[in-house]
Protein backbone atom coordinates (compact mmCIF):
# COMPACT_ATOMS: atom_id res chain seq x y z
CA MET A 1 120.45 145.92 54.31
CA MET A 2 118.44 145.79 57.58
CA PRO A 3 120.62 145.95 60.80
CA THR A 4 120.51 142.77 63.03
CA LEU A 5 118.69 143.63 66.18
CA PRO A 6 119.94 141.77 69.39
CA LEU A 7 117.74 139.27 70.68
CA PRO A 8 115.65 140.00 73.83
CA ALA A 9 117.11 138.99 77.20
CA ASP A 10 115.72 136.35 79.31
CA PRO A 11 113.14 138.07 81.59
CA LEU A 12 114.66 135.87 84.39
CA ASP A 13 117.69 137.96 84.27
CA ARG A 14 115.92 140.43 86.23
CA LEU A 15 116.31 138.33 89.03
CA LYS A 16 120.19 138.54 89.23
CA GLY A 17 121.35 140.24 92.13
CA ALA A 18 117.85 140.12 94.02
CA THR A 19 117.11 138.75 97.11
CA VAL A 20 114.14 136.22 97.23
CA LEU A 21 112.32 134.98 99.97
CA VAL A 22 111.20 131.19 99.47
CA THR A 23 108.98 129.96 102.29
CA GLY A 24 108.76 126.36 102.45
CA GLY A 25 112.40 126.40 100.91
CA ALA A 26 113.48 123.18 102.05
CA GLY A 27 110.63 121.21 100.42
CA LEU A 28 110.49 119.78 97.07
CA ILE A 29 109.25 122.66 95.47
CA GLY A 30 111.28 125.48 97.47
CA SER A 31 114.47 123.69 97.17
CA ARG A 32 114.17 123.44 93.59
CA LEU A 33 113.15 127.01 93.49
CA CYS A 34 116.09 128.20 95.59
CA ALA A 35 118.63 126.06 93.15
CA GLN A 36 117.03 127.79 90.12
CA LEU A 37 117.62 131.18 91.92
CA ARG A 38 120.96 130.50 92.62
CA THR A 39 121.67 129.44 88.84
CA LEU A 40 120.24 132.90 87.93
CA GLY A 41 122.61 134.73 90.40
CA ALA A 42 119.91 135.60 92.83
CA ARG A 43 119.99 135.10 96.78
CA PRO A 44 117.31 132.81 97.86
CA LEU A 45 116.15 132.78 101.59
CA ALA A 46 114.84 129.42 102.54
CA VAL A 47 112.52 129.56 105.46
CA CYS A 48 111.46 125.90 106.89
CA THR A 49 110.66 124.51 110.01
CA LEU A 50 112.76 121.40 108.74
CA ASP A 51 110.23 118.86 110.71
CA ALA A 52 108.58 117.32 107.56
CA TYR A 53 111.25 114.75 107.25
CA PRO A 54 114.05 113.31 109.44
CA PRO A 55 117.32 115.50 108.85
CA HIS A 56 119.21 112.70 106.96
CA VAL A 57 116.38 113.33 104.16
CA TYR A 58 117.02 117.20 104.04
CA ARG A 59 120.86 116.61 104.30
CA ASP A 60 121.05 113.46 101.65
CA LEU A 61 118.06 113.63 99.03
CA PHE A 62 117.28 117.52 99.23
CA GLY A 63 120.55 118.95 99.59
CA ILE A 64 119.67 121.39 102.58
CA ASP A 65 122.72 122.20 104.93
CA PRO A 66 121.07 123.57 108.11
CA ALA A 67 123.90 125.45 108.77
CA ASP A 68 123.93 127.54 105.59
CA GLU A 69 123.24 131.04 106.70
CA ASP A 70 120.38 131.46 103.56
CA VAL A 71 118.45 128.39 105.05
CA ILE A 72 116.49 130.04 107.98
CA GLU A 73 115.24 127.32 110.38
CA GLY A 74 111.86 129.20 111.44
CA ASP A 75 108.03 129.31 111.30
CA ILE A 76 105.90 131.50 109.02
CA ARG A 77 103.82 132.30 112.10
CA ASP A 78 106.67 133.83 113.55
CA ALA A 79 105.46 137.47 113.20
CA ASP A 80 108.95 138.84 114.22
CA LEU A 81 110.92 136.53 112.01
CA MET A 82 109.01 137.33 109.18
CA ALA A 83 108.86 140.81 109.69
CA ARG A 84 113.00 141.00 109.65
CA THR A 85 113.16 138.30 106.79
CA VAL A 86 110.73 140.34 104.32
CA ALA A 87 112.41 143.36 104.99
CA ARG A 88 115.38 141.92 103.48
CA CYS A 89 113.84 140.55 100.27
CA ASP A 90 113.16 142.23 96.68
CA TYR A 91 110.58 139.35 95.76
CA VAL A 92 108.44 136.29 98.17
CA ILE A 93 107.52 133.21 96.86
CA HIS A 94 105.07 131.92 99.60
CA ALA A 95 105.15 128.08 99.39
CA ALA A 96 104.95 126.84 103.04
CA ALA A 97 101.83 125.08 103.78
CA LEU A 98 100.72 121.99 105.00
CA ALA A 99 100.23 120.32 101.90
CA ASP A 100 99.07 116.79 102.49
CA VAL A 101 95.40 116.52 101.67
CA ALA A 102 95.23 113.36 104.03
CA ALA A 103 97.08 115.21 107.03
CA CYS A 104 94.80 118.38 106.54
CA THR A 105 91.71 115.97 106.74
CA ARG A 106 92.77 114.24 109.83
CA ASN A 107 94.01 117.58 111.71
CA PRO A 108 92.04 120.62 110.07
CA ARG A 109 93.57 122.75 112.79
CA ALA A 110 97.05 122.28 112.03
CA ALA A 111 95.99 123.01 108.56
CA ILE A 112 94.32 126.27 109.76
CA ASP A 113 96.91 127.02 111.93
CA THR A 114 99.64 127.01 109.17
CA ASN A 115 97.69 127.61 105.87
CA ILE A 116 95.55 130.59 107.27
CA THR A 117 97.29 132.00 110.22
CA GLY A 118 100.72 131.62 108.58
CA THR A 119 99.74 132.83 105.56
CA GLN A 120 98.23 136.00 107.20
CA VAL A 121 101.22 136.65 109.37
CA LEU A 122 103.64 136.60 106.03
CA LEU A 123 101.10 139.07 104.34
CA ASP A 124 101.28 141.43 107.05
CA ALA A 125 104.88 141.35 106.72
CA VAL A 126 104.61 141.97 103.13
CA ALA A 127 102.50 144.66 103.20
CA ALA A 128 104.33 146.36 105.96
CA THR A 129 107.42 147.21 103.68
CA ASP A 130 107.79 148.56 100.25
CA ARG A 131 110.65 146.78 99.40
CA VAL A 132 108.90 143.66 98.10
CA GLN A 133 108.17 144.03 94.30
CA ARG A 134 106.13 141.18 93.84
CA LEU A 135 104.79 138.08 95.98
CA ALA A 136 104.18 134.72 94.25
CA TYR A 137 101.08 132.68 96.27
CA VAL A 138 101.46 129.34 95.76
CA SER A 139 97.84 127.73 95.32
CA SER A 140 96.63 124.45 94.18
CA ALA A 141 94.25 122.95 91.43
CA SER A 142 92.39 121.35 94.30
CA VAL A 143 90.42 124.82 94.90
CA TYR A 144 88.36 123.65 91.47
CA GLY A 145 87.40 120.53 93.41
CA ASP A 146 85.52 118.30 90.82
CA GLY A 147 84.60 121.29 88.49
CA ASN A 148 80.89 122.35 88.28
CA PRO A 149 78.67 119.14 88.27
CA GLU A 150 75.50 121.15 87.77
CA ASP A 151 76.95 122.82 84.45
CA THR A 152 74.76 122.37 81.65
CA HIS A 153 75.54 120.56 78.40
CA ASN A 154 74.29 120.85 74.98
CA PRO A 155 71.34 118.44 74.86
CA ASP A 156 72.26 117.38 71.53
CA LEU A 157 75.77 116.03 72.78
CA LEU A 158 74.29 114.43 75.64
CA PRO A 159 74.11 111.13 73.81
CA LEU A 160 77.40 111.15 72.55
CA ARG A 161 78.89 112.20 75.94
CA GLN A 162 77.04 109.14 77.72
CA LEU A 163 78.38 106.67 75.02
CA LEU A 164 81.91 108.50 75.57
CA GLU A 165 81.80 108.24 79.32
CA SER A 166 80.59 104.47 79.29
CA VAL A 167 83.55 103.33 76.80
CA TYR A 168 86.28 105.71 78.53
CA GLY A 169 85.04 106.67 81.88
CA ARG A 170 84.54 109.86 83.36
CA ILE A 171 85.47 112.82 81.01
CA ALA A 172 87.69 114.92 82.77
CA PRO A 173 86.68 118.73 82.63
CA GLN A 174 89.45 121.33 81.80
CA PHE A 175 89.72 124.02 84.66
CA HIS A 176 90.24 127.77 83.59
CA GLU A 177 91.07 130.22 86.04
CA GLY A 178 87.68 131.84 85.80
CA LEU A 179 85.43 129.13 87.06
CA PRO A 180 84.03 129.26 90.69
CA LEU A 181 85.90 127.50 93.42
CA ARG A 182 84.66 124.32 94.54
CA PRO A 183 86.96 122.90 97.28
CA VAL A 184 86.30 119.44 98.35
CA SER A 185 88.95 119.08 100.96
CA VAL A 186 90.18 121.09 104.15
CA TYR A 187 93.48 121.76 102.14
CA ALA A 188 91.60 123.05 99.09
CA ASN A 189 89.56 125.32 101.33
CA THR A 190 92.57 126.80 102.90
CA LYS A 191 94.38 127.39 99.57
CA ALA A 192 91.19 129.31 98.29
CA TRP A 193 91.28 131.44 101.24
CA GLY A 194 94.60 132.08 100.69
CA GLU A 195 94.32 133.39 97.18
CA ARG A 196 91.40 135.77 98.19
CA GLN A 197 93.07 137.18 101.27
CA THR A 198 96.35 137.82 99.24
CA ALA A 199 94.59 139.89 96.85
CA LEU A 200 92.82 141.37 99.95
CA THR A 201 95.70 142.37 101.93
CA LEU A 202 98.36 143.15 99.30
CA GLY A 203 95.76 144.80 96.65
CA ALA A 204 94.94 147.22 99.94
CA VAL A 205 98.42 148.71 99.96
CA GLY A 206 99.39 148.34 96.33
CA THR A 207 101.66 145.49 96.73
CA SER A 208 101.99 143.43 93.45
CA TYR A 209 101.18 139.74 93.74
CA THR A 210 100.25 136.46 91.49
CA VAL A 211 98.44 133.62 92.26
CA VAL A 212 99.73 130.46 91.05
CA ARG A 213 97.65 127.30 90.74
CA TYR A 214 99.78 124.18 90.75
CA PHE A 215 98.49 121.31 89.24
CA SER A 216 99.88 117.41 90.20
CA VAL A 217 103.58 118.15 90.92
CA TYR A 218 105.85 115.11 90.83
CA GLY A 219 109.55 114.71 90.32
CA ASP A 220 112.64 113.78 92.46
CA PRO A 221 113.32 114.00 95.28
CA GLN A 222 109.81 113.79 96.23
CA ILE A 223 109.43 111.09 98.99
CA VAL A 224 105.98 109.63 100.27
CA LYS A 225 104.56 110.03 103.73
CA PRO A 226 102.90 107.55 105.92
CA GLY A 227 99.04 108.16 105.63
CA SER A 228 99.25 110.15 102.75
CA HIS A 229 97.73 109.54 99.25
CA SER A 230 99.30 112.69 97.55
CA TRP A 231 102.24 112.16 95.01
CA VAL A 232 100.89 109.67 92.83
CA VAL A 233 104.30 109.12 90.83
CA ALA A 234 106.44 108.86 94.10
CA TRP A 235 103.80 106.47 95.59
CA PHE A 236 103.75 103.92 92.70
CA ALA A 237 107.34 104.11 91.92
CA ALA A 238 108.31 103.57 95.50
CA ARG A 239 105.83 100.67 96.07
CA ALA A 240 107.04 99.09 92.70
CA GLU A 241 110.49 99.47 93.87
CA ALA A 242 109.69 97.64 96.96
CA GLY A 243 107.99 94.86 94.95
CA LEU A 244 104.58 95.92 96.38
CA PRO A 245 101.32 96.22 94.00
CA LEU A 246 100.19 99.63 93.35
CA HIS A 247 97.13 100.78 95.07
CA LEU A 248 94.37 102.46 92.38
CA ASN A 249 92.25 104.52 94.96
CA GLY A 250 88.70 104.44 93.63
CA GLY A 251 89.65 102.30 90.87
CA GLY A 252 92.16 104.76 89.49
CA HIS A 253 89.53 106.87 87.60
CA GLN A 254 90.81 110.28 88.86
CA VAL A 255 92.37 112.67 86.52
CA ARG A 256 95.53 114.62 87.20
CA ASP A 257 97.32 117.10 85.17
CA LEU A 258 100.85 116.07 86.17
CA VAL A 259 103.32 118.70 85.83
CA HIS A 260 107.29 118.05 86.51
CA VAL A 261 109.05 120.06 89.67
CA ASP A 262 111.54 121.76 87.30
CA ASP A 263 108.68 123.01 85.22
CA ILE A 264 106.73 124.16 88.25
CA ALA A 265 109.77 126.21 89.32
CA GLN A 266 110.28 127.75 86.14
CA ALA A 267 106.99 128.95 85.99
CA THR A 268 106.79 130.40 89.23
CA LEU A 269 110.04 132.58 88.68
CA ARG A 270 108.64 133.94 85.89
CA THR A 271 105.66 135.18 87.28
CA LEU A 272 107.81 137.12 89.51
CA VAL A 273 109.09 139.09 86.79
CA SER A 274 106.15 138.88 84.23
CA PRO A 275 104.49 142.65 83.99
CA GLN A 276 101.48 140.81 82.67
CA ALA A 277 101.16 138.51 85.70
CA HIS A 278 100.50 141.60 88.17
CA THR A 279 97.18 140.69 90.19
CA GLU A 280 96.67 137.74 87.98
CA ILE A 281 95.85 134.14 88.70
CA LEU A 282 97.70 131.36 86.68
CA ASN A 283 97.31 127.89 86.13
CA ILE A 284 100.71 125.94 86.20
CA GLY A 285 100.13 122.78 84.18
CA THR A 286 100.50 121.09 81.12
CA GLY A 287 97.07 121.13 79.70
CA THR A 288 96.89 117.32 79.41
CA PRO A 289 94.62 115.06 81.14
CA THR A 290 95.84 111.41 82.67
CA ARG A 291 94.11 109.09 84.85
CA VAL A 292 95.71 107.67 87.80
CA ARG A 293 95.53 104.40 86.36
CA ASP A 294 97.59 105.18 83.37
CA VAL A 295 100.23 106.60 85.57
CA ALA A 296 100.23 103.29 87.27
CA ASP A 297 100.47 101.53 83.91
CA LEU A 298 103.49 103.74 82.86
CA VAL A 299 105.31 103.32 86.08
CA SER A 300 104.87 99.27 85.53
CA THR A 301 106.73 99.64 82.51
CA HIS A 302 109.66 100.13 84.61
CA TYR A 303 108.79 97.44 86.79
CA PRO A 304 107.44 94.41 84.82
CA GLY A 305 104.93 92.06 86.69
CA THR A 306 103.86 94.85 89.05
CA ARG A 307 100.33 94.23 90.26
CA LEU A 308 97.28 96.66 90.38
CA VAL A 309 95.18 96.39 93.34
CA GLU A 310 91.73 98.49 93.54
CA THR A 311 91.28 100.23 96.75
CA PRO A 312 88.51 102.71 98.50
CA MET A 313 88.50 106.28 97.59
CA PRO A 314 90.17 108.23 100.35
CA PRO A 315 87.88 111.08 101.90
CA GLY A 316 89.11 114.79 100.22
CA ASP A 317 90.71 113.17 97.00
CA PRO A 318 89.02 115.19 94.00
CA LEU A 319 88.00 113.42 90.74
CA GLY A 320 90.34 116.20 89.26
CA GLY A 321 90.50 117.63 85.81
CA TYR A 322 93.47 119.09 83.98
CA ALA A 323 94.53 122.83 83.38
CA SER A 324 93.55 125.26 80.91
CA THR A 325 97.20 126.69 79.87
CA ARG A 326 96.23 129.70 77.76
CA ARG A 327 96.58 132.32 80.51
CA MET A 328 99.81 131.20 81.33
CA GLN A 329 101.17 130.83 77.91
CA THR A 330 100.04 134.34 77.32
CA MET A 331 101.22 135.86 80.52
CA LEU A 332 104.59 134.05 80.84
CA GLY A 333 105.45 133.54 77.31
CA TRP A 334 106.15 129.73 78.46
CA THR A 335 105.09 126.38 77.98
CA PRO A 336 106.22 123.46 80.03
CA SER A 337 109.06 120.92 78.35
CA ILE A 338 109.09 117.93 80.40
CA THR A 339 106.71 115.16 79.19
CA LEU A 340 105.42 112.63 81.81
CA SER A 341 107.04 109.81 80.25
CA ASP A 342 110.51 111.49 80.55
CA GLY A 343 109.73 112.65 83.95
CA VAL A 344 108.52 109.52 85.35
CA ALA A 345 111.54 107.73 83.79
CA ARG A 346 113.73 110.50 85.69
CA TYR A 347 112.23 109.81 88.71
CA VAL A 348 112.67 105.81 88.61
CA ALA A 349 116.26 106.29 87.67
CA TRP A 350 116.62 108.65 90.80
CA LEU A 351 114.84 106.33 93.19
CA ARG A 352 117.46 103.47 92.01
CA LYS A 353 120.12 105.88 92.72
CA HIS A 354 118.82 106.64 96.09
CA PRO A 355 117.16 103.45 97.62
CA ALA A 356 116.88 105.16 101.35
CA ALA A 357 114.23 107.02 99.43
CA VAL A 358 112.02 103.91 99.94
CA PRO A 359 110.74 103.93 103.66
CA ASP A 360 111.26 100.99 105.58
CA TRP A 361 107.74 101.22 106.76
CA MET A 362 106.36 100.73 103.30
CA SER A 363 107.26 96.94 103.50
CA ALA A 364 105.30 96.66 106.88
CA PRO A 365 102.54 93.92 106.46
CA THR A 366 99.71 96.70 106.67
CA ASN A 367 101.17 98.25 103.21
CA SER A 368 101.77 95.24 101.45
CA ALA A 369 98.32 94.25 100.54
């Protein structure tokens, strides 16, 4: 009789007892990363400016206590702060950024200041110590832009492709990590720079790193900001909750690969401990393309009678595509588990329990068309 072999330990067990710096640790993704790290027995140090939302949002919705010794109110551009904090850490997740496409478009200098200068300050701090075992640099699927429009296609299939596009609209491209980067927004451009700069800075000193390209993240406690067109699930659900029509920018034909924040956090933590993820670039998505219009329809099932209104396409908003997930599955031995329908239902349930998450300004006349 063969002896029974013990099951392999969860790779995430390697994080038990580790200290992990999470820049942007008070944001949607950062706060979820910190919560999962604590569950694993790690100590997360959350660095954040705490100025993206009113104080009550951090306290009541994100569960952030500024008095917590592990919540460090500060700026990643502060070289002394980064040097002191990084020196205490075994791993680093760099999630801090001006991550709003519209805000970066309106104010490119702010995007450069935070996403480029701040990233370099952090990278310098990591490169200066030999304690950090790996850095995960949070990038974005927006670096792919609209794909490669000049790519040639099999001429024999062109009539079929044209027929399908005439019936179903634009056929979304699948983005794999080897594609050339073609950012169409200021935000995406800063992320593309950060990817290469991470490789140059940390590669020069032999510090391990992984680049994670998040596709469209959603889930509670995500809340919308004025003047933004990011975070389509939160926008649609909040407007529907307020009894307002849902705005389909450009007709809603953009394609997104929507991945729940819980799955995003799981994947990111696994990149810290996966040997195969050393110096890799990984898409973090579901591999499922979804039109923005279809997201609106899904949200509307929870709010019968909701109207859809077509609106102009905002600048910098990519037509998008969906993730090739083969490399993620191979390197991490993992796939996302939360379906879009389940994730939207969770968000709607959360929103109904937290009516304050629907901002007062949303019901103003200029937002109710």
